[in-house]
N, C-alpha and C. Protein backbone atom coordinates (compact mmCIF):
# COMPACT_ATOMS: atom_id res chain seq x y z
N MET A 1 4.62 4.41 20.20
CA MET A 1 3.59 5.22 19.58
C MET A 1 2.26 4.90 20.25
N LEU A 2 1.45 5.89 20.40
CA LEU A 2 0.16 5.71 21.06
C LEU A 2 -0.83 5.00 20.16
N SER A 3 -1.65 4.18 20.76
CA SER A 3 -2.70 3.52 20.00
C SER A 3 -3.99 4.33 20.14
N ASP A 4 -4.97 3.99 19.34
CA ASP A 4 -6.26 4.67 19.42
C ASP A 4 -6.86 4.51 20.82
N ARG A 5 -6.66 3.34 21.42
CA ARG A 5 -7.20 3.09 22.76
C ARG A 5 -6.55 4.02 23.77
N ARG A 6 -5.23 4.19 23.65
CA ARG A 6 -4.50 5.05 24.60
C ARG A 6 -4.94 6.52 24.42
N VAL A 7 -5.15 6.93 23.20
CA VAL A 7 -5.60 8.31 22.95
C VAL A 7 -6.99 8.51 23.58
N SER A 8 -7.86 7.54 23.40
CA SER A 8 -9.20 7.64 23.99
C SER A 8 -9.13 7.70 25.50
N GLU A 9 -8.24 6.89 26.09
CA GLU A 9 -8.07 6.92 27.54
C GLU A 9 -7.56 8.28 28.01
N LEU A 10 -6.64 8.86 27.25
CA LEU A 10 -6.11 10.18 27.59
C LEU A 10 -7.21 11.24 27.55
N VAL A 11 -8.01 11.22 26.52
CA VAL A 11 -9.11 12.18 26.40
C VAL A 11 -10.09 11.99 27.55
N GLN A 12 -10.38 10.76 27.89
CA GLN A 12 -11.31 10.48 28.99
C GLN A 12 -10.74 10.98 30.32
N ARG A 13 -9.46 10.79 30.57
CA ARG A 13 -8.85 11.27 31.82
C ARG A 13 -8.87 12.79 31.91
N VAL A 14 -8.59 13.45 30.79
CA VAL A 14 -8.63 14.92 30.79
C VAL A 14 -10.04 15.39 31.11
N ASN A 15 -11.03 14.73 30.53
CA ASN A 15 -12.42 15.12 30.82
C ASN A 15 -12.74 14.91 32.30
N GLN A 16 -12.21 13.83 32.89
CA GLN A 16 -12.42 13.60 34.32
C GLN A 16 -11.75 14.68 35.15
N LEU A 17 -10.51 15.04 34.80
CA LEU A 17 -9.80 16.09 35.52
C LEU A 17 -10.51 17.43 35.37
N SER A 18 -11.00 17.69 34.18
CA SER A 18 -11.71 18.95 33.96
C SER A 18 -12.96 19.04 34.81
N SER A 19 -13.65 17.92 34.98
CA SER A 19 -14.87 17.94 35.79
C SER A 19 -14.56 18.13 37.27
N LEU A 20 -13.36 17.74 37.69
CA LEU A 20 -12.97 17.95 39.09
C LEU A 20 -12.69 19.41 39.37
N ASN A 21 -12.14 20.12 38.40
CA ASN A 21 -11.90 21.55 38.55
C ASN A 21 -13.19 22.30 38.28
N THR A 22 -13.16 23.56 38.58
CA THR A 22 -14.34 24.37 38.28
C THR A 22 -14.47 24.50 36.77
N ALA A 23 -15.66 24.64 36.30
CA ALA A 23 -15.93 24.69 34.86
C ALA A 23 -15.25 25.88 34.20
N ASP A 24 -15.01 26.96 34.95
CA ASP A 24 -14.42 28.16 34.38
C ASP A 24 -12.91 28.23 34.59
N SER A 25 -12.34 27.21 35.13
CA SER A 25 -10.91 27.20 35.40
C SER A 25 -10.13 27.33 34.10
N GLU A 26 -9.23 28.31 34.08
CA GLU A 26 -8.42 28.52 32.88
C GLU A 26 -7.52 27.33 32.60
N GLU A 27 -6.99 26.73 33.66
CA GLU A 27 -6.10 25.57 33.48
C GLU A 27 -6.86 24.40 32.85
N ALA A 28 -8.07 24.18 33.32
CA ALA A 28 -8.88 23.09 32.79
C ALA A 28 -9.22 23.34 31.33
N GLN A 29 -9.57 24.56 30.99
CA GLN A 29 -9.89 24.90 29.61
C GLN A 29 -8.67 24.76 28.71
N LEU A 30 -7.51 25.20 29.21
CA LEU A 30 -6.27 25.08 28.45
C LEU A 30 -5.92 23.61 28.23
N LEU A 31 -6.05 22.83 29.28
CA LEU A 31 -5.76 21.39 29.19
C LEU A 31 -6.71 20.72 28.19
N THR A 32 -7.96 21.07 28.26
CA THR A 32 -8.95 20.51 27.34
C THR A 32 -8.63 20.88 25.90
N ARG A 33 -8.27 22.14 25.66
CA ARG A 33 -7.92 22.57 24.30
C ARG A 33 -6.69 21.83 23.78
N ARG A 34 -5.70 21.67 24.64
CA ARG A 34 -4.48 20.97 24.22
C ARG A 34 -4.77 19.51 23.88
N VAL A 35 -5.57 18.87 24.71
CA VAL A 35 -5.91 17.47 24.45
C VAL A 35 -6.76 17.36 23.19
N ASP A 36 -7.68 18.28 22.99
CA ASP A 36 -8.49 18.26 21.77
C ASP A 36 -7.60 18.44 20.53
N THR A 37 -6.62 19.34 20.64
CA THR A 37 -5.68 19.54 19.54
C THR A 37 -4.87 18.28 19.27
N LEU A 38 -4.38 17.66 20.34
CA LEU A 38 -3.62 16.41 20.18
C LEU A 38 -4.50 15.31 19.59
N ASP A 39 -5.73 15.24 20.04
CA ASP A 39 -6.65 14.23 19.51
C ASP A 39 -6.89 14.46 18.02
N GLN A 40 -7.07 15.71 17.63
CA GLN A 40 -7.28 16.01 16.21
C GLN A 40 -6.03 15.69 15.39
N GLN A 41 -4.84 16.02 15.93
CA GLN A 41 -3.60 15.70 15.23
C GLN A 41 -3.44 14.19 15.08
N TRP A 42 -3.80 13.46 16.13
CA TRP A 42 -3.71 11.99 16.08
C TRP A 42 -4.64 11.45 14.99
N THR A 43 -5.87 11.95 14.96
CA THR A 43 -6.83 11.51 13.96
C THR A 43 -6.33 11.82 12.55
N ASP A 44 -5.76 13.02 12.36
CA ASP A 44 -5.22 13.39 11.06
C ASP A 44 -4.05 12.49 10.65
N THR A 45 -3.17 12.22 11.60
CA THR A 45 -2.01 11.37 11.32
C THR A 45 -2.44 9.95 10.95
N VAL A 46 -3.40 9.41 11.68
CA VAL A 46 -3.90 8.06 11.38
C VAL A 46 -4.53 8.06 9.98
N GLY A 47 -5.27 9.10 9.65
CA GLY A 47 -5.87 9.20 8.31
C GLY A 47 -4.81 9.27 7.22
N GLN A 48 -3.74 10.04 7.46
CA GLN A 48 -2.66 10.13 6.48
C GLN A 48 -1.96 8.79 6.32
N LEU A 49 -1.74 8.10 7.43
CA LEU A 49 -1.10 6.79 7.36
C LEU A 49 -1.97 5.78 6.62
N ASP A 50 -3.27 5.82 6.85
CA ASP A 50 -4.18 4.92 6.13
C ASP A 50 -4.15 5.21 4.64
N ALA A 51 -4.14 6.50 4.28
CA ALA A 51 -4.08 6.87 2.86
C ALA A 51 -2.76 6.42 2.24
N ARG A 52 -1.67 6.58 2.97
CA ARG A 52 -0.37 6.16 2.46
C ARG A 52 -0.31 4.63 2.30
N ARG A 53 -0.88 3.91 3.28
CA ARG A 53 -0.91 2.46 3.21
C ARG A 53 -1.69 2.02 1.97
N GLN A 54 -2.82 2.66 1.70
CA GLN A 54 -3.63 2.32 0.54
C GLN A 54 -2.86 2.61 -0.75
N ALA A 55 -2.17 3.75 -0.79
CA ALA A 55 -1.39 4.10 -1.98
C ALA A 55 -0.28 3.07 -2.21
N LEU A 56 0.38 2.66 -1.15
CA LEU A 56 1.43 1.65 -1.28
C LEU A 56 0.86 0.30 -1.72
N ASP A 57 -0.30 -0.06 -1.19
CA ASP A 57 -0.96 -1.30 -1.61
C ASP A 57 -1.31 -1.26 -3.09
N ASP A 58 -1.78 -0.09 -3.56
CA ASP A 58 -2.12 0.06 -4.97
C ASP A 58 -0.89 -0.09 -5.86
N VAL A 59 0.21 0.56 -5.46
CA VAL A 59 1.44 0.48 -6.24
C VAL A 59 1.98 -0.95 -6.23
N LEU A 60 1.92 -1.60 -5.09
CA LEU A 60 2.38 -2.99 -5.01
C LEU A 60 1.54 -3.89 -5.91
N SER A 61 0.25 -3.66 -5.94
CA SER A 61 -0.63 -4.45 -6.80
C SER A 61 -0.27 -4.24 -8.28
N GLU A 62 -0.03 -2.98 -8.65
CA GLU A 62 0.37 -2.68 -10.03
C GLU A 62 1.70 -3.35 -10.37
N TRP A 63 2.64 -3.29 -9.44
CA TRP A 63 3.94 -3.90 -9.67
C TRP A 63 3.80 -5.42 -9.81
N THR A 64 2.99 -6.02 -9.00
CA THR A 64 2.77 -7.47 -9.07
C THR A 64 2.20 -7.85 -10.43
N GLN A 65 1.25 -7.07 -10.91
CA GLN A 65 0.66 -7.33 -12.23
C GLN A 65 1.72 -7.16 -13.32
N PHE A 66 2.54 -6.12 -13.21
CA PHE A 66 3.62 -5.91 -14.18
C PHE A 66 4.59 -7.09 -14.16
N ASP A 67 4.96 -7.54 -12.96
CA ASP A 67 5.89 -8.66 -12.84
C ASP A 67 5.32 -9.93 -13.48
N ARG A 68 4.03 -10.19 -13.26
CA ARG A 68 3.40 -11.36 -13.89
C ARG A 68 3.46 -11.25 -15.41
N SER A 69 3.13 -10.07 -15.93
CA SER A 69 3.17 -9.87 -17.38
C SER A 69 4.59 -10.03 -17.91
N TYR A 70 5.54 -9.51 -17.18
CA TYR A 70 6.95 -9.63 -17.58
C TYR A 70 7.38 -11.09 -17.61
N GLN A 71 6.99 -11.84 -16.60
CA GLN A 71 7.34 -13.26 -16.55
C GLN A 71 6.71 -14.03 -17.71
N GLN A 72 5.47 -13.70 -18.07
CA GLN A 72 4.81 -14.34 -19.21
C GLN A 72 5.55 -14.01 -20.51
N LEU A 73 5.93 -12.74 -20.66
CA LEU A 73 6.67 -12.32 -21.84
C LEU A 73 8.02 -13.03 -21.91
N LEU A 74 8.69 -13.13 -20.79
CA LEU A 74 9.98 -13.81 -20.73
C LEU A 74 9.83 -15.29 -21.11
N THR A 75 8.80 -15.92 -20.61
CA THR A 75 8.53 -17.32 -20.95
C THR A 75 8.28 -17.47 -22.44
N THR A 76 7.51 -16.56 -23.01
CA THR A 76 7.21 -16.61 -24.45
C THR A 76 8.49 -16.43 -25.26
N PHE A 77 9.31 -15.45 -24.89
CA PHE A 77 10.56 -15.24 -25.63
C PHE A 77 11.51 -16.43 -25.50
N THR A 78 11.54 -17.02 -24.32
CA THR A 78 12.39 -18.20 -24.12
C THR A 78 11.92 -19.34 -25.01
N ALA A 79 10.62 -19.54 -25.09
CA ALA A 79 10.08 -20.59 -25.94
C ALA A 79 10.39 -20.31 -27.41
N LEU A 80 10.25 -19.05 -27.81
CA LEU A 80 10.57 -18.68 -29.19
C LEU A 80 12.05 -18.92 -29.47
N HIS A 81 12.90 -18.53 -28.55
CA HIS A 81 14.34 -18.70 -28.73
C HIS A 81 14.69 -20.19 -28.84
N THR A 82 14.09 -20.99 -27.97
CA THR A 82 14.31 -22.43 -28.02
C THR A 82 13.83 -22.99 -29.35
N GLY A 83 12.68 -22.53 -29.79
CA GLY A 83 12.13 -22.99 -31.07
C GLY A 83 13.03 -22.61 -32.22
N ILE A 84 13.59 -21.42 -32.18
CA ILE A 84 14.49 -20.98 -33.25
C ILE A 84 15.77 -21.80 -33.22
N ASP A 85 16.29 -22.03 -32.02
CA ASP A 85 17.51 -22.85 -31.91
C ASP A 85 17.28 -24.26 -32.45
N ASP A 86 16.08 -24.79 -32.20
CA ASP A 86 15.77 -26.14 -32.66
C ASP A 86 15.60 -26.22 -34.18
N THR A 87 15.33 -25.09 -34.78
CA THR A 87 15.03 -25.09 -36.22
C THR A 87 16.19 -24.61 -37.07
N THR A 88 17.39 -24.53 -36.53
CA THR A 88 18.52 -24.03 -37.32
C THR A 88 18.81 -24.91 -38.53
N SER A 89 18.43 -26.16 -38.44
CA SER A 89 18.67 -27.06 -39.56
C SER A 89 17.50 -27.11 -40.53
N LEU A 90 16.42 -26.40 -40.21
CA LEU A 90 15.24 -26.39 -41.08
C LEU A 90 15.36 -25.30 -42.13
N THR A 91 14.54 -25.39 -43.13
CA THR A 91 14.47 -24.32 -44.13
C THR A 91 13.74 -23.13 -43.52
N ALA A 92 13.83 -21.99 -44.18
CA ALA A 92 13.19 -20.77 -43.68
C ALA A 92 11.68 -20.94 -43.57
N GLU A 93 11.07 -21.59 -44.54
CA GLU A 93 9.62 -21.79 -44.50
C GLU A 93 9.22 -22.69 -43.34
N ASP A 94 9.98 -23.75 -43.11
CA ASP A 94 9.69 -24.64 -41.99
C ASP A 94 9.87 -23.92 -40.65
N ALA A 95 10.89 -23.05 -40.58
CA ALA A 95 11.14 -22.29 -39.35
C ALA A 95 9.97 -21.34 -39.05
N ILE A 96 9.43 -20.68 -40.06
CA ILE A 96 8.30 -19.77 -39.87
C ILE A 96 7.09 -20.54 -39.37
N VAL A 97 6.82 -21.67 -39.96
CA VAL A 97 5.69 -22.51 -39.52
C VAL A 97 5.91 -22.93 -38.06
N HIS A 98 7.13 -23.32 -37.73
CA HIS A 98 7.44 -23.75 -36.36
C HIS A 98 7.25 -22.60 -35.37
N ILE A 99 7.71 -21.41 -35.69
CA ILE A 99 7.56 -20.24 -34.81
C ILE A 99 6.09 -19.91 -34.61
N GLU A 100 5.31 -19.96 -35.66
CA GLU A 100 3.88 -19.71 -35.52
C GLU A 100 3.21 -20.74 -34.64
N THR A 101 3.65 -21.98 -34.74
CA THR A 101 3.11 -23.04 -33.89
C THR A 101 3.45 -22.79 -32.43
N VAL A 102 4.69 -22.41 -32.14
CA VAL A 102 5.13 -22.14 -30.77
C VAL A 102 4.39 -20.94 -30.20
N ARG A 103 4.18 -19.94 -31.01
CA ARG A 103 3.52 -18.72 -30.56
C ARG A 103 2.06 -18.99 -30.18
N ASP A 104 1.40 -19.86 -30.89
CA ASP A 104 0.00 -20.17 -30.62
C ASP A 104 -0.07 -21.07 -29.41
């Protein structure tokens, strides 16, 4: 795939070739139009790729935040489950107090 530097070099070479031909040369004008079109397409493609990269970065950031929240929730539920398992021999009132303590 072409880099921005290569595209710039291509545009510069076409401009050099165009200056070697007569200014009214149809071939030179056609070549210049084609290169200008390619340059514009390249710029548009790079812009679309940058926008897509940003969108993917945003989604990844959201997913990372969701994963962190999920892991915190999982840790909390695991602690609650462990607390409940530990309190099977306690009375219901003692178990409620213990769960509230674990939750805080």
